[in-house]
Amino acid sequence: MVAFRPLELPGRGRRHHEPLRTSFDSLTGDLLAQMLPLAQKAPYALFGHSMGALLALLCAIQAPQSGMPRPRALFLSAAAAPIDWEECRPASMASLPSRQLWDQVAGMGGLPDCVAASTELLAYLEPILRADFAAFESWHPAPMAPLPVPITVFLGDHDSVTEQQGRKWRRLTTNTFRMHTFPGNHFYLQDHWRDLAACISRTLHPAV
């Protein structure tokens, strides 16, 4: 059995009262602190979507220095591998005017009609989006050695993250590499979460 344990970042959900973070170093440290109690007791794997995929990678890299084993596997969704990063870095979104920011998010498929119709919800989400984009856009990764951890990559076939970018994740593992493509855009997982969960479960517990 695979137990799912979501991790919340500061400034959202039950931690909405905490200040937002705008650097990957700070976000990674926060996630590692949340992971530590469980990771010291039982095997674990990491799943991250979009920016979360990059944070999952950083957590896997830094796990030994934080007193925990590396994850059994990395599941990385809708993210380009941080290789040749400066060449594939997207245009800045953190400082866009509100209308342009939401137009960009809508173009990625991440603005449901029910959210777009609520000025209160947009006002709540906008600072979170800007903080995430600021962290993402200010990150300058150092060269990374491959990890001894299996990597599985998930992509949407109409996402701006290309299959070529997805396959570059292969260079960051000395273990097995797999890639699965689903119909959809950057937020394909909203329609395919059952298949995604089944794939993760099969990878962690293959049939004997």
N, C-alpha and C. Protein backbone atom coordinates (compact mmCIF):
# COMPACT_ATOMS: atom_id res chain seq x y z
N MET A 1 0.83 -1.19 0.00
CA MET A 1 0.00 0.00 0.00
C MET A 1 0.87 1.25 0.00
N VAL A 2 0.44 2.25 -0.74
CA VAL A 2 1.14 3.54 -0.79
C VAL A 2 0.28 4.58 -0.07
N ALA A 3 0.81 5.21 0.95
CA ALA A 3 0.10 6.26 1.67
C ALA A 3 0.54 7.62 1.13
N PHE A 4 -0.42 8.46 0.82
CA PHE A 4 -0.14 9.78 0.26
C PHE A 4 -0.10 10.81 1.37
N ARG A 5 0.98 11.56 1.47
CA ARG A 5 1.12 12.59 2.51
C ARG A 5 1.45 13.93 1.85
N PRO A 6 0.43 14.77 1.62
CA PRO A 6 0.71 16.07 1.00
C PRO A 6 1.48 16.99 1.95
N LEU A 7 2.39 17.77 1.38
CA LEU A 7 3.15 18.75 2.14
C LEU A 7 2.69 20.15 1.72
N GLU A 8 2.41 20.99 2.70
CA GLU A 8 1.97 22.35 2.41
C GLU A 8 3.12 23.33 2.62
N LEU A 9 3.25 24.26 1.70
CA LEU A 9 4.26 25.30 1.81
C LEU A 9 3.69 26.50 2.57
N PRO A 10 4.56 27.34 3.14
CA PRO A 10 4.09 28.50 3.88
C PRO A 10 3.24 29.42 3.01
N GLY A 11 2.21 30.00 3.62
CA GLY A 11 1.39 30.99 2.94
C GLY A 11 0.18 30.44 2.23
N ARG A 12 -0.09 29.14 2.40
CA ARG A 12 -1.24 28.55 1.71
C ARG A 12 -1.84 27.45 2.58
N GLY A 13 -3.11 27.12 2.29
CA GLY A 13 -3.79 26.06 3.04
C GLY A 13 -3.82 26.34 4.52
N ARG A 14 -3.49 25.33 5.31
CA ARG A 14 -3.49 25.49 6.77
C ARG A 14 -2.38 26.40 7.26
N ARG A 15 -1.44 26.74 6.37
CA ARG A 15 -0.32 27.61 6.75
C ARG A 15 -0.47 29.00 6.12
N HIS A 16 -1.71 29.37 5.85
CA HIS A 16 -1.95 30.64 5.15
C HIS A 16 -1.50 31.85 5.95
N HIS A 17 -1.36 31.70 7.26
CA HIS A 17 -0.97 32.83 8.10
C HIS A 17 0.54 33.07 8.08
N GLU A 18 1.32 32.14 7.49
CA GLU A 18 2.78 32.27 7.47
C GLU A 18 3.23 33.06 6.25
N PRO A 19 4.34 33.77 6.35
CA PRO A 19 4.84 34.54 5.21
C PRO A 19 5.19 33.63 4.03
N LEU A 20 4.91 34.11 2.83
CA LEU A 20 5.31 33.39 1.62
C LEU A 20 6.82 33.42 1.47
N ARG A 21 7.37 32.39 0.87
CA ARG A 21 8.81 32.31 0.61
C ARG A 21 9.08 32.55 -0.87
N THR A 22 10.20 33.16 -1.18
CA THR A 22 10.49 33.51 -2.58
C THR A 22 11.86 33.00 -3.02
N SER A 23 12.34 31.92 -2.38
CA SER A 23 13.59 31.32 -2.83
C SER A 23 13.50 29.81 -2.71
N PHE A 24 14.15 29.11 -3.62
CA PHE A 24 14.16 27.65 -3.57
C PHE A 24 14.88 27.14 -2.33
N ASP A 25 15.92 27.83 -1.88
CA ASP A 25 16.63 27.39 -0.69
C ASP A 25 15.69 27.33 0.51
N SER A 26 14.90 28.40 0.68
CA SER A 26 13.98 28.46 1.80
C SER A 26 12.87 27.42 1.68
N LEU A 27 12.33 27.25 0.48
CA LEU A 27 11.26 26.28 0.27
C LEU A 27 11.76 24.86 0.48
N THR A 28 12.95 24.55 -0.02
CA THR A 28 13.51 23.21 0.15
C THR A 28 13.75 22.90 1.62
N GLY A 29 14.30 23.86 2.35
CA GLY A 29 14.53 23.65 3.78
C GLY A 29 13.25 23.38 4.53
N ASP A 30 12.20 24.09 4.17
CA ASP A 30 10.90 23.89 4.81
C ASP A 30 10.37 22.49 4.53
N LEU A 31 10.46 22.04 3.28
CA LEU A 31 9.97 20.71 2.92
C LEU A 31 10.77 19.61 3.62
N LEU A 32 12.08 19.76 3.68
CA LEU A 32 12.91 18.76 4.34
C LEU A 32 12.55 18.63 5.82
N ALA A 33 12.25 19.74 6.46
CA ALA A 33 11.86 19.69 7.87
C ALA A 33 10.54 18.95 8.05
N GLN A 34 9.63 19.11 7.10
CA GLN A 34 8.36 18.38 7.17
C GLN A 34 8.55 16.89 6.92
N MET A 35 9.48 16.56 6.02
CA MET A 35 9.70 15.16 5.65
C MET A 35 10.41 14.36 6.73
N LEU A 36 11.25 15.01 7.51
CA LEU A 36 12.18 14.31 8.40
C LEU A 36 11.52 13.30 9.33
N PRO A 37 10.44 13.64 10.06
CA PRO A 37 9.88 12.66 11.01
C PRO A 37 9.44 11.36 10.35
N LEU A 38 8.83 11.44 9.18
CA LEU A 38 8.36 10.23 8.49
C LEU A 38 9.50 9.51 7.77
N ALA A 39 10.37 10.28 7.13
CA ALA A 39 11.44 9.68 6.33
C ALA A 39 12.43 8.90 7.17
N GLN A 40 12.54 9.23 8.46
CA GLN A 40 13.43 8.48 9.34
C GLN A 40 12.82 7.16 9.79
N LYS A 41 11.50 6.99 9.57
CA LYS A 41 10.81 5.80 10.08
C LYS A 41 10.47 4.79 9.00
N ALA A 42 10.27 5.25 7.77
CA ALA A 42 9.78 4.34 6.73
C ALA A 42 10.29 4.79 5.36
N PRO A 43 10.36 3.85 4.41
CA PRO A 43 10.73 4.25 3.04
C PRO A 43 9.73 5.25 2.48
N TYR A 44 10.20 6.11 1.62
CA TYR A 44 9.32 7.13 1.05
C TYR A 44 9.75 7.43 -0.38
N ALA A 45 8.84 8.02 -1.12
CA ALA A 45 9.11 8.52 -2.47
C ALA A 45 8.58 9.94 -2.56
N LEU A 46 9.00 10.67 -3.56
CA LEU A 46 8.58 12.06 -3.72
C LEU A 46 7.89 12.27 -5.06
N PHE A 47 6.78 12.98 -5.03
CA PHE A 47 6.09 13.42 -6.24
C PHE A 47 6.04 14.93 -6.23
N GLY A 48 6.38 15.55 -7.37
CA GLY A 48 6.28 17.00 -7.49
C GLY A 48 5.78 17.38 -8.86
N HIS A 49 4.89 18.35 -8.91
CA HIS A 49 4.34 18.83 -10.18
C HIS A 49 4.85 20.24 -10.47
N SER A 50 5.30 20.47 -11.68
CA SER A 50 5.77 21.78 -12.14
C SER A 50 6.92 22.25 -11.25
N MET A 51 6.81 23.41 -10.61
CA MET A 51 7.87 23.86 -9.72
C MET A 51 8.13 22.84 -8.62
N GLY A 52 7.09 22.14 -8.20
CA GLY A 52 7.24 21.12 -7.17
C GLY A 52 8.18 19.99 -7.58
N ALA A 53 8.28 19.73 -8.89
CA ALA A 53 9.21 18.69 -9.35
C ALA A 53 10.65 19.10 -9.07
N LEU A 54 10.96 20.36 -9.28
CA LEU A 54 12.31 20.85 -9.01
C LEU A 54 12.61 20.83 -7.51
N LEU A 55 11.61 21.18 -6.72
CA LEU A 55 11.79 21.12 -5.26
C LEU A 55 11.98 19.68 -4.79
N ALA A 56 11.25 18.74 -5.40
CA ALA A 56 11.42 17.33 -5.05
C ALA A 56 12.84 16.88 -5.35
N LEU A 57 13.38 17.29 -6.49
CA LEU A 57 14.75 16.95 -6.84
C LEU A 57 15.72 17.50 -5.80
N LEU A 58 15.55 18.76 -5.42
CA LEU A 58 16.45 19.36 -4.44
C LEU A 58 16.35 18.66 -3.09
N CYS A 59 15.15 18.24 -2.71
CA CYS A 59 14.98 17.50 -1.46
C CYS A 59 15.72 16.16 -1.53
N ALA A 60 15.64 15.49 -2.68
CA ALA A 60 16.35 14.21 -2.83
C ALA A 60 17.85 14.41 -2.74
N ILE A 61 18.35 15.49 -3.31
CA ILE A 61 19.78 15.78 -3.27
C ILE A 61 20.25 16.06 -1.84
N GLN A 62 19.43 16.83 -1.10
CA GLN A 62 19.85 17.29 0.22
C GLN A 62 19.43 16.37 1.36
N ALA A 63 18.69 15.31 1.06
CA ALA A 63 18.18 14.43 2.12
C ALA A 63 19.28 13.91 3.05
N PRO A 64 20.40 13.38 2.54
CA PRO A 64 21.42 12.85 3.46
C PRO A 64 21.97 13.89 4.42
N GLN A 65 22.16 15.13 3.94
CA GLN A 65 22.66 16.19 4.83
C GLN A 65 21.63 16.58 5.88
N SER A 66 20.37 16.22 5.66
CA SER A 66 19.31 16.55 6.61
C SER A 66 18.97 15.39 7.54
N GLY A 67 19.77 14.33 7.49
CA GLY A 67 19.59 13.23 8.42
C GLY A 67 18.58 12.19 8.01
N MET A 68 18.32 12.05 6.71
CA MET A 68 17.36 11.05 6.25
C MET A 68 17.90 10.33 5.02
N PRO A 69 17.41 9.14 4.74
CA PRO A 69 17.83 8.44 3.53
C PRO A 69 17.26 9.14 2.29
N ARG A 70 17.83 8.84 1.15
CA ARG A 70 17.25 9.36 -0.09
C ARG A 70 15.91 8.67 -0.35
N PRO A 71 15.05 9.28 -1.14
CA PRO A 71 13.78 8.63 -1.46
C PRO A 71 13.99 7.38 -2.29
N ARG A 72 13.01 6.48 -2.22
CA ARG A 72 13.07 5.26 -3.05
C ARG A 72 12.89 5.59 -4.52
N ALA A 73 12.18 6.67 -4.81
CA ALA A 73 11.93 7.04 -6.21
C ALA A 73 11.52 8.50 -6.27
N LEU A 74 11.74 9.08 -7.44
CA LEU A 74 11.27 10.44 -7.73
C LEU A 74 10.25 10.36 -8.85
N PHE A 75 9.10 11.01 -8.65
CA PHE A 75 8.06 11.12 -9.66
C PHE A 75 7.89 12.60 -9.98
N LEU A 76 8.25 12.99 -11.20
CA LEU A 76 8.38 14.39 -11.55
C LEU A 76 7.45 14.71 -12.70
N SER A 77 6.60 15.72 -12.50
CA SER A 77 5.51 15.99 -13.43
C SER A 77 5.59 17.40 -14.00
N ALA A 78 5.43 17.49 -15.33
CA ALA A 78 5.27 18.77 -16.02
C ALA A 78 6.39 19.76 -15.71
N ALA A 79 7.62 19.28 -15.77
CA ALA A 79 8.77 20.14 -15.49
C ALA A 79 9.93 19.78 -16.40
N ALA A 80 10.60 20.79 -16.91
CA ALA A 80 11.83 20.58 -17.68
C ALA A 80 12.96 20.25 -16.71
N ALA A 81 13.84 19.36 -17.12
CA ALA A 81 15.01 19.04 -16.30
C ALA A 81 15.92 20.26 -16.19
N PRO A 82 16.51 20.49 -15.01
CA PRO A 82 17.39 21.66 -14.83
C PRO A 82 18.76 21.45 -15.44
N ILE A 83 18.76 21.16 -16.73
CA ILE A 83 19.98 20.98 -17.52
C ILE A 83 19.91 22.00 -18.65
N ASP A 84 21.02 22.70 -18.91
CA ASP A 84 20.98 23.84 -19.84
C ASP A 84 19.88 24.81 -19.41
N TRP A 85 19.82 25.04 -18.10
CA TRP A 85 18.69 25.76 -17.51
C TRP A 85 18.56 27.19 -18.04
N GLU A 86 19.66 27.88 -18.16
CA GLU A 86 19.56 29.27 -18.59
C GLU A 86 19.04 29.38 -20.02
N GLU A 87 19.25 28.33 -20.81
CA GLU A 87 18.76 28.36 -22.19
C GLU A 87 17.26 28.13 -22.27
N CYS A 88 16.71 27.36 -21.34
CA CYS A 88 15.28 27.05 -21.40
C CYS A 88 14.46 27.82 -20.37
N ARG A 89 15.11 28.73 -19.65
CA ARG A 89 14.39 29.49 -18.62
C ARG A 89 13.24 30.28 -19.26
N PRO A 90 12.02 30.16 -18.74
CA PRO A 90 10.88 30.86 -19.34
C PRO A 90 10.92 32.36 -19.04
N ALA A 91 10.11 33.10 -19.78
CA ALA A 91 10.02 34.54 -19.57
C ALA A 91 9.49 34.84 -18.17
N SER A 92 9.88 35.98 -17.63
CA SER A 92 9.46 36.35 -16.28
C SER A 92 7.96 36.57 -16.20
N MET A 93 7.35 36.02 -15.15
CA MET A 93 5.92 36.23 -14.92
C MET A 93 5.64 36.88 -13.58
N ALA A 94 6.62 36.88 -12.67
CA ALA A 94 6.39 37.35 -11.31
C ALA A 94 5.97 38.81 -11.26
N SER A 95 6.44 39.62 -12.20
CA SER A 95 6.17 41.06 -12.15
C SER A 95 5.15 41.52 -13.18
N LEU A 96 4.46 40.58 -13.83
CA LEU A 96 3.46 40.97 -14.82
C LEU A 96 2.28 41.68 -14.15
N PRO A 97 1.64 42.62 -14.83
CA PRO A 97 0.37 43.17 -14.32
C PRO A 97 -0.65 42.04 -14.15
N SER A 98 -1.61 42.25 -13.26
CA SER A 98 -2.55 41.19 -12.90
C SER A 98 -3.23 40.56 -14.10
N ARG A 99 -3.74 41.39 -15.00
CA ARG A 99 -4.48 40.84 -16.14
C ARG A 99 -3.58 39.95 -17.00
N GLN A 100 -2.37 40.40 -17.26
CA GLN A 100 -1.45 39.59 -18.07
C GLN A 100 -1.04 38.32 -17.33
N LEU A 101 -0.86 38.42 -16.02
CA LEU A 101 -0.49 37.23 -15.24
C LEU A 101 -1.57 36.16 -15.37
N TRP A 102 -2.82 36.56 -15.16
CA TRP A 102 -3.90 35.57 -15.22
C TRP A 102 -4.14 35.08 -16.64
N ASP A 103 -3.89 35.92 -17.63
CA ASP A 103 -3.99 35.46 -19.02
C ASP A 103 -2.96 34.36 -19.29
N GLN A 104 -1.75 34.53 -18.75
CA GLN A 104 -0.72 33.52 -18.93
C GLN A 104 -1.10 32.22 -18.23
N VAL A 105 -1.62 32.34 -17.02
CA VAL A 105 -2.03 31.15 -16.27
C VAL A 105 -3.18 30.44 -16.99
N ALA A 106 -4.13 31.21 -17.49
CA ALA A 106 -5.24 30.63 -18.24
C ALA A 106 -4.75 29.91 -19.49
N GLY A 107 -3.75 30.48 -20.15
CA GLY A 107 -3.19 29.86 -21.34
C GLY A 107 -2.53 28.53 -21.06
N MET A 108 -2.08 28.32 -19.82
CA MET A 108 -1.48 27.05 -19.42
C MET A 108 -2.53 26.03 -19.01
N GLY A 109 -3.79 26.48 -18.93
CA GLY A 109 -4.87 25.58 -18.52
C GLY A 109 -5.09 25.55 -17.02
N GLY A 110 -4.54 26.54 -16.30
CA GLY A 110 -4.60 26.50 -14.85
C GLY A 110 -5.57 27.48 -14.22
N LEU A 111 -6.61 27.88 -14.98
CA LEU A 111 -7.56 28.84 -14.43
C LEU A 111 -8.99 28.37 -14.73
N PRO A 112 -9.52 27.49 -13.89
CA PRO A 112 -10.90 27.03 -14.09
C PRO A 112 -11.89 28.19 -14.06
N ASP A 113 -13.01 28.02 -14.72
CA ASP A 113 -14.01 29.09 -14.80
C ASP A 113 -14.48 29.53 -13.42
N CYS A 114 -14.63 28.58 -12.50
CA CYS A 114 -15.12 28.93 -11.17
C CYS A 114 -14.13 29.81 -10.42
N VAL A 115 -12.83 29.65 -10.70
CA VAL A 115 -11.82 30.50 -10.08
C VAL A 115 -11.78 31.86 -10.76
N ALA A 116 -11.83 31.86 -12.08
CA ALA A 116 -11.78 33.11 -12.83
C ALA A 116 -12.95 34.03 -12.49
N ALA A 117 -14.08 33.43 -12.08
CA ALA A 117 -15.27 34.23 -11.79
C ALA A 117 -15.26 34.82 -10.38
N SER A 118 -14.30 34.45 -9.57
CA SER A 118 -14.27 34.91 -8.18
C SER A 118 -13.14 35.91 -7.95
N THR A 119 -13.47 37.18 -7.79
CA THR A 119 -12.44 38.18 -7.53
C THR A 119 -11.75 37.94 -6.20
N GLU A 120 -12.50 37.40 -5.22
CA GLU A 120 -11.91 37.13 -3.90
C GLU A 120 -10.86 36.02 -4.00
N LEU A 121 -11.18 34.98 -4.74
CA LEU A 121 -10.25 33.87 -4.87
C LEU A 121 -9.02 34.28 -5.67
N LEU A 122 -9.22 35.06 -6.72
CA LEU A 122 -8.07 35.54 -7.50
C LEU A 122 -7.16 36.42 -6.63
N ALA A 123 -7.77 37.25 -5.79
CA ALA A 123 -6.98 38.11 -4.91
C ALA A 123 -6.18 37.30 -3.90
N TYR A 124 -6.75 36.18 -3.44
CA TYR A 124 -6.03 35.31 -2.51
C TYR A 124 -4.89 34.58 -3.20
N LEU A 125 -5.12 34.11 -4.43
CA LEU A 125 -4.15 33.29 -5.13
C LEU A 125 -3.00 34.09 -5.74
N GLU A 126 -3.26 35.33 -6.12
CA GLU A 126 -2.25 36.09 -6.87
C GLU A 126 -0.93 36.24 -6.11
N PRO A 127 -0.93 36.63 -4.82
CA PRO A 127 0.37 36.72 -4.13
C PRO A 127 1.11 35.39 -4.06
N ILE A 128 0.37 34.28 -3.95
CA ILE A 128 1.00 32.96 -3.92
C ILE A 128 1.67 32.67 -5.26
N LEU A 129 0.95 32.94 -6.34
CA LEU A 129 1.53 32.74 -7.67
C LEU A 129 2.77 33.59 -7.87
N ARG A 130 2.70 34.85 -7.47
CA ARG A 130 3.85 35.74 -7.67
C ARG A 130 5.06 35.27 -6.86
N ALA A 131 4.82 34.80 -5.64
CA ALA A 131 5.93 34.30 -4.82
C ALA A 131 6.55 33.06 -5.46
N ASP A 132 5.70 32.15 -5.97
CA ASP A 132 6.21 30.95 -6.62
C ASP A 132 7.02 31.30 -7.87
N PHE A 133 6.50 32.20 -8.68
CA PHE A 133 7.22 32.59 -9.89
C PHE A 133 8.53 33.29 -9.52
N ALA A 134 8.52 34.10 -8.47
CA ALA A 134 9.75 34.79 -8.05
C ALA A 134 10.81 33.77 -7.62
N ALA A 135 10.41 32.75 -6.88
CA ALA A 135 11.36 31.70 -6.47
C ALA A 135 11.89 30.95 -7.68
N PHE A 136 11.00 30.58 -8.57
CA PHE A 136 11.37 29.83 -9.77
C PHE A 136 12.32 30.63 -10.66
N GLU A 137 12.01 31.90 -10.86
CA GLU A 137 12.78 32.72 -11.79
C GLU A 137 14.12 33.17 -11.24
N SER A 138 14.28 33.15 -9.91
CA SER A 138 15.54 33.57 -9.31
C SER A 138 16.49 32.40 -9.05
N TRP A 139 16.06 31.20 -9.38
CA TRP A 139 16.87 30.00 -9.12
C TRP A 139 17.93 29.84 -10.20
N HIS A 140 19.18 29.66 -9.77
CA HIS A 140 20.29 29.42 -10.68
C HIS A 140 20.99 28.15 -10.23
N PRO A 141 20.55 26.99 -10.74
CA PRO A 141 21.07 25.72 -10.22
C PRO A 141 22.54 25.51 -10.56
N ALA A 142 23.25 24.98 -9.59
CA ALA A 142 24.63 24.55 -9.82
C ALA A 142 24.61 23.22 -10.56
N PRO A 143 25.71 22.85 -11.19
CA PRO A 143 25.77 21.52 -11.84
C PRO A 143 25.43 20.41 -10.84
N MET A 144 24.68 19.43 -11.31
CA MET A 144 24.20 18.37 -10.42
C MET A 144 24.74 17.02 -10.86
N ALA A 145 25.20 16.25 -9.90
CA ALA A 145 25.61 14.87 -10.18
C ALA A 145 24.36 13.99 -10.21
N PRO A 146 24.36 12.95 -11.03
CA PRO A 146 23.20 12.04 -11.07
C PRO A 146 22.98 11.37 -9.72
N LEU A 147 21.73 11.12 -9.41
CA LEU A 147 21.35 10.49 -8.15
C LEU A 147 21.14 8.99 -8.35
N PRO A 148 21.40 8.18 -7.32
CA PRO A 148 21.13 6.74 -7.41
C PRO A 148 19.67 6.43 -7.11
N VAL A 149 18.78 7.22 -7.67
CA VAL A 149 17.35 7.14 -7.39
C VAL A 149 16.59 7.00 -8.71
N PRO A 150 15.68 6.04 -8.85
CA PRO A 150 14.88 5.95 -10.07
C PRO A 150 14.05 7.22 -10.29
N ILE A 151 13.95 7.64 -11.53
CA ILE A 151 13.17 8.83 -11.88
C ILE A 151 12.10 8.44 -12.90
N THR A 152 10.88 8.83 -12.60
CA THR A 152 9.76 8.69 -13.54
C THR A 152 9.23 10.08 -13.84
N VAL A 153 9.11 10.40 -15.11
CA VAL A 153 8.64 11.71 -15.55
C VAL A 153 7.26 11.57 -16.18
N PHE A 154 6.37 12.49 -15.84
CA PHE A 154 5.02 12.55 -16.42
C PHE A 154 4.87 13.89 -17.16
N LEU A 155 4.30 13.83 -18.36
CA LEU A 155 4.09 15.04 -19.15
C LEU A 155 2.69 15.04 -19.75
N GLY A 156 2.18 16.24 -20.03
CA GLY A 156 0.99 16.39 -20.85
C GLY A 156 1.41 16.62 -22.29
N ASP A 157 0.70 16.02 -23.24
CA ASP A 157 1.15 16.09 -24.63
C ASP A 157 0.89 17.45 -25.29
N HIS A 158 0.18 18.35 -24.59
CA HIS A 158 -0.01 19.71 -25.11
C HIS A 158 0.55 20.76 -24.14
N ASP A 159 1.53 20.35 -23.37
CA ASP A 159 2.18 21.27 -22.45
C ASP A 159 3.32 22.00 -23.16
N SER A 160 3.74 23.14 -22.61
CA SER A 160 4.91 23.83 -23.15
C SER A 160 6.20 23.10 -22.79
N VAL A 161 6.16 22.24 -21.77
CA VAL A 161 7.31 21.38 -21.46
C VAL A 161 7.32 20.26 -22.49
N THR A 162 8.38 20.19 -23.27
CA THR A 162 8.43 19.25 -24.37
C THR A 162 8.96 17.89 -23.95
N GLU A 163 8.73 16.91 -24.80
CA GLU A 163 9.26 15.57 -24.54
C GLU A 163 10.78 15.59 -24.50
N GLN A 164 11.38 16.40 -25.35
CA GLN A 164 12.85 16.50 -25.35
C GLN A 164 13.35 17.02 -24.01
N GLN A 165 12.67 18.05 -23.46
CA GLN A 165 13.06 18.55 -22.15
C GLN A 165 12.83 17.50 -21.07
N GLY A 166 11.75 16.75 -21.18
CA GLY A 166 11.46 15.71 -20.20
C GLY A 166 12.50 14.62 -20.19
N ARG A 167 12.98 14.23 -21.38
CA ARG A 167 13.97 13.15 -21.46
C ARG A 167 15.32 13.54 -20.86
N LYS A 168 15.58 14.82 -20.72
CA LYS A 168 16.85 15.23 -20.11
C LYS A 168 16.95 14.83 -18.64
N TRP A 169 15.80 14.52 -18.01
CA TRP A 169 15.86 14.04 -16.63
C TRP A 169 16.66 12.75 -16.54
N ARG A 170 16.76 12.00 -17.64
CA ARG A 170 17.52 10.75 -17.63
C ARG A 170 18.97 10.98 -17.17
N ARG A 171 19.49 12.17 -17.46
CA ARG A 171 20.88 12.46 -17.12
C ARG A 171 21.09 12.72 -15.64
N LEU A 172 20.01 12.75 -14.87
CA LEU A 172 20.11 13.03 -13.43
C LEU A 172 19.87 11.79 -12.57
N THR A 173 19.92 10.61 -13.18
CA THR A 173 19.83 9.39 -12.40
C THR A 173 20.81 8.35 -12.93
N THR A 174 21.39 7.59 -12.00
CA THR A 174 22.20 6.43 -12.37
C THR A 174 21.36 5.16 -12.28
N ASN A 175 20.09 5.32 -11.96
CA ASN A 175 19.16 4.21 -11.81
C ASN A 175 18.22 4.19 -13.01
N THR A 176 17.08 3.59 -12.88
CA THR A 176 16.14 3.48 -14.00
C THR A 176 15.46 4.82 -14.30
N PHE A 177 15.07 4.98 -15.55
CA PHE A 177 14.35 6.18 -15.99
C PHE A 177 13.15 5.74 -16.82
N ARG A 178 12.00 6.35 -16.53
CA ARG A 178 10.79 6.11 -17.31
C ARG A 178 10.11 7.44 -17.59
N MET A 179 9.37 7.49 -18.68
CA MET A 179 8.59 8.70 -18.99
C MET A 179 7.23 8.28 -19.54
N HIS A 180 6.18 8.93 -19.05
CA HIS A 180 4.81 8.66 -19.48
C HIS A 180 4.17 9.98 -19.91
N THR A 181 3.47 9.93 -21.02
CA THR A 181 2.79 11.11 -21.55
C THR A 181 1.28 10.89 -21.51
N PHE A 182 0.57 11.91 -21.02
CA PHE A 182 -0.89 11.86 -20.93
C PHE A 182 -1.49 12.92 -21.85
N PRO A 183 -2.71 12.72 -22.32
CA PRO A 183 -3.39 13.78 -23.06
C PRO A 183 -3.64 14.98 -22.15
N GLY A 184 -3.32 16.18 -22.65
CA GLY A 184 -3.63 17.36 -21.85
C GLY A 184 -2.51 18.38 -21.81
N ASN A 185 -2.76 19.46 -21.10
CA ASN A 185 -1.82 20.57 -21.01
C ASN A 185 -1.00 20.47 -19.72
N HIS A 186 -0.54 21.60 -19.24
CA HIS A 186 0.32 21.62 -18.05
C HIS A 186 -0.38 21.03 -16.83
N PHE A 187 -1.70 21.06 -16.83
CA PHE A 187 -2.48 20.55 -15.70
C PHE A 187 -3.23 19.28 -16.08
N TYR A 188 -2.63 18.46 -16.92
CA TYR A 188 -3.20 17.20 -17.37
C TYR A 188 -3.66 16.32 -16.21
N LEU A 189 -2.97 16.40 -15.08
CA LEU A 189 -3.23 15.48 -13.96
C LEU A 189 -4.62 15.68 -13.37
N GLN A 190 -5.26 16.83 -13.62
CA GLN A 190 -6.62 17.03 -13.12
C GLN A 190 -7.58 16.02 -13.73
N ASP A 191 -7.31 15.59 -14.96
CA ASP A 191 -8.18 14.63 -15.65
C ASP A 191 -7.66 13.20 -15.59
N HIS A 192 -6.41 13.02 -15.17
CA HIS A 192 -5.80 11.69 -15.23
C HIS A 192 -5.17 11.26 -13.91
N TRP A 193 -5.70 11.77 -12.81
CA TRP A 193 -5.05 11.49 -11.53
C TRP A 193 -5.14 10.01 -11.14
N ARG A 194 -6.21 9.34 -11.54
CA ARG A 194 -6.30 7.90 -11.22
C ARG A 194 -5.20 7.11 -11.94
N ASP A 195 -5.02 7.38 -13.24
CA ASP A 195 -3.97 6.69 -13.99
C ASP A 195 -2.59 7.04 -13.44
N LEU A 196 -2.43 8.30 -13.05
CA LEU A 196 -1.15 8.74 -12.48
C LEU A 196 -0.86 8.00 -11.18
N ALA A 197 -1.87 7.93 -10.31
CA ALA A 197 -1.70 7.23 -9.03
C ALA A 197 -1.42 5.75 -9.24
N ALA A 198 -2.09 5.14 -10.22
CA ALA A 198 -1.87 3.72 -10.50
C ALA A 198 -0.45 3.48 -11.00
N CYS A 199 0.06 4.38 -11.82
CA CYS A 199 1.42 4.24 -12.33
C CYS A 199 2.43 4.36 -11.20
N ILE A 200 2.23 5.29 -10.30
CA ILE A 200 3.13 5.45 -9.16
C ILE A 200 3.10 4.20 -8.28
N SER A 201 1.89 3.69 -8.02
CA SER A 201 1.76 2.50 -7.18
C SER A 201 2.44 1.30 -7.81
N ARG A 202 2.26 1.11 -9.13
CA ARG A 202 2.90 -0.03 -9.80
C ARG A 202 4.42 0.08 -9.78
N THR A 203 4.92 1.30 -9.90
CA THR A 203 6.38 1.50 -9.88
C THR A 203 6.96 1.17 -8.51
N LEU A 204 6.26 1.58 -7.47
CA LEU A 204 6.75 1.33 -6.11
C LEU A 204 6.54 -0.11 -5.66
N HIS A 205 5.49 -0.75 -6.16
CA HIS A 205 5.17 -2.13 -5.77
C HIS A 205 4.89 -2.95 -7.02
N PRO A 206 5.91 -3.24 -7.83
CA PRO A 206 5.68 -4.04 -9.03
C PRO A 206 5.20 -5.44 -8.68
N ALA A 207 4.41 -5.99 -9.59
CA ALA A 207 3.88 -7.34 -9.36
C ALA A 207 5.04 -8.34 -9.32
N VAL A 208 4.94 -9.27 -8.43
CA VAL A 208 5.99 -10.29 -8.30
C VAL A 208 5.84 -11.34 -9.40
